[in-house]
Amino acid sequence: PIAGCPGWTLVDLGVHLGVVHRWARGAIVTGAVPQADPSDPAPTDQAAVAEWVRAGADRLIRTLGDLDPAAPTWHPFPRRQ
């Protein structure tokens, strides 16, 4: 159980983090509302989830490192002046 997320298991938390990594990368790469990639489903086994989270984090980090900070991208929050 995860104390800060009542009702969640370590697998639930890992899947959530992995989905967030993929969601953020999708927004950066496409410049649009990110869609789930059916070819990269979340696993259910704890060891597989750990590797899946690492793989998603690595791809997000590489994408952020290659990103032009001035490039436009989609984001869910309107910009405030």
Protein backbone atom coordinates (compact mmCIF):
# COMPACT_ATOMS: atom_id res chain seq x y z
CA PRO A 1 0.00 0.00 0.00
CA ILE A 2 1.03 3.61 -0.66
CA ALA A 3 0.42 5.79 2.40
CA GLY A 4 0.02 9.01 0.42
CA CYS A 5 -2.39 7.38 -2.06
CA PRO A 6 -4.97 5.40 -0.07
CA GLY A 7 -6.13 2.33 -1.95
CA TRP A 8 -3.15 2.35 -4.32
CA THR A 9 -0.46 -0.30 -4.60
CA LEU A 10 3.11 0.18 -5.75
CA VAL A 11 2.04 -1.13 -9.17
CA ASP A 12 -0.79 1.45 -9.33
CA LEU A 13 1.64 4.26 -8.51
CA GLY A 14 4.19 3.02 -11.03
CA VAL A 15 1.58 2.81 -13.78
CA HIS A 16 0.42 6.34 -12.94
CA LEU A 17 3.98 7.69 -13.14
CA GLY A 18 4.66 5.83 -16.37
CA VAL A 19 1.48 7.19 -17.93
CA VAL A 20 2.44 10.74 -16.88
CA HIS A 21 5.90 10.35 -18.45
CA ARG A 22 4.33 9.18 -21.70
CA TRP A 23 1.62 11.86 -21.58
CA ALA A 24 4.18 14.66 -21.14
CA ARG A 25 6.41 13.31 -23.92
CA GLY A 26 3.40 13.00 -26.22
CA ALA A 27 2.47 16.64 -25.64
CA ILE A 28 6.03 17.72 -26.41
CA VAL A 29 6.49 15.58 -29.51
CA THR A 30 3.11 16.10 -31.17
CA GLY A 31 2.24 19.61 -29.97
CA ALA A 32 -1.30 18.33 -29.42
CA VAL A 33 -3.42 16.64 -26.78
CA PRO A 34 -1.47 13.43 -26.09
CA GLN A 35 -3.08 10.08 -26.86
CA ALA A 36 -2.25 6.74 -25.28
CA ASP A 37 0.00 4.55 -27.42
CA PRO A 38 -1.67 1.15 -27.78
CA SER A 39 1.71 -0.40 -28.67
CA ASP A 40 3.10 0.55 -25.22
CA PRO A 41 0.51 -0.67 -22.68
CA ALA A 42 1.19 -0.57 -18.96
CA PRO A 43 2.19 -3.96 -17.55
CA THR A 44 0.63 -5.37 -14.40
CA ASP A 45 3.60 -7.25 -12.95
CA GLN A 46 5.64 -5.22 -10.41
CA ALA A 47 9.06 -5.92 -11.97
CA ALA A 48 7.75 -5.17 -15.46
CA VAL A 49 6.16 -1.92 -14.23
CA ALA A 50 9.49 -0.81 -12.77
CA GLU A 51 11.22 -1.31 -16.14
CA TRP A 52 8.31 0.35 -17.98
CA VAL A 53 8.56 3.42 -15.70
CA ARG A 54 12.33 3.63 -16.26
CA ALA A 55 11.94 3.33 -20.03
CA GLY A 56 9.30 6.08 -20.13
CA ALA A 57 11.35 8.35 -17.90
CA ASP A 58 14.46 7.81 -20.04
CA ARG A 59 12.56 8.70 -23.24
CA LEU A 60 11.06 11.80 -21.60
CA ILE A 61 14.48 12.95 -20.35
CA ARG A 62 16.04 12.50 -23.80
CA THR A 63 13.13 14.35 -25.41
CA LEU A 64 13.42 17.23 -22.95
CA GLY A 65 17.17 17.40 -23.53
CA ASP A 66 16.67 17.68 -27.29
CA LEU A 67 13.85 20.21 -27.05
CA ASP A 68 14.19 23.75 -28.31
CA PRO A 69 12.85 25.78 -25.36
CA ALA A 70 11.29 28.26 -27.78
CA ALA A 71 9.39 25.57 -29.72
CA PRO A 72 5.60 25.70 -29.37
CA THR A 73 3.83 22.83 -27.68
CA TRP A 74 0.39 21.95 -26.48
CA HIS A 75 -0.30 22.31 -22.78
CA PRO A 76 -3.50 22.07 -20.75
CA PHE A 77 -3.23 25.45 -19.05
CA PRO A 78 -3.78 28.79 -20.76
CA ARG A 79 -0.91 31.22 -20.49
CA ARG A 80 -1.44 34.10 -18.10
CA GLN A 81 -0.13 37.56 -18.89
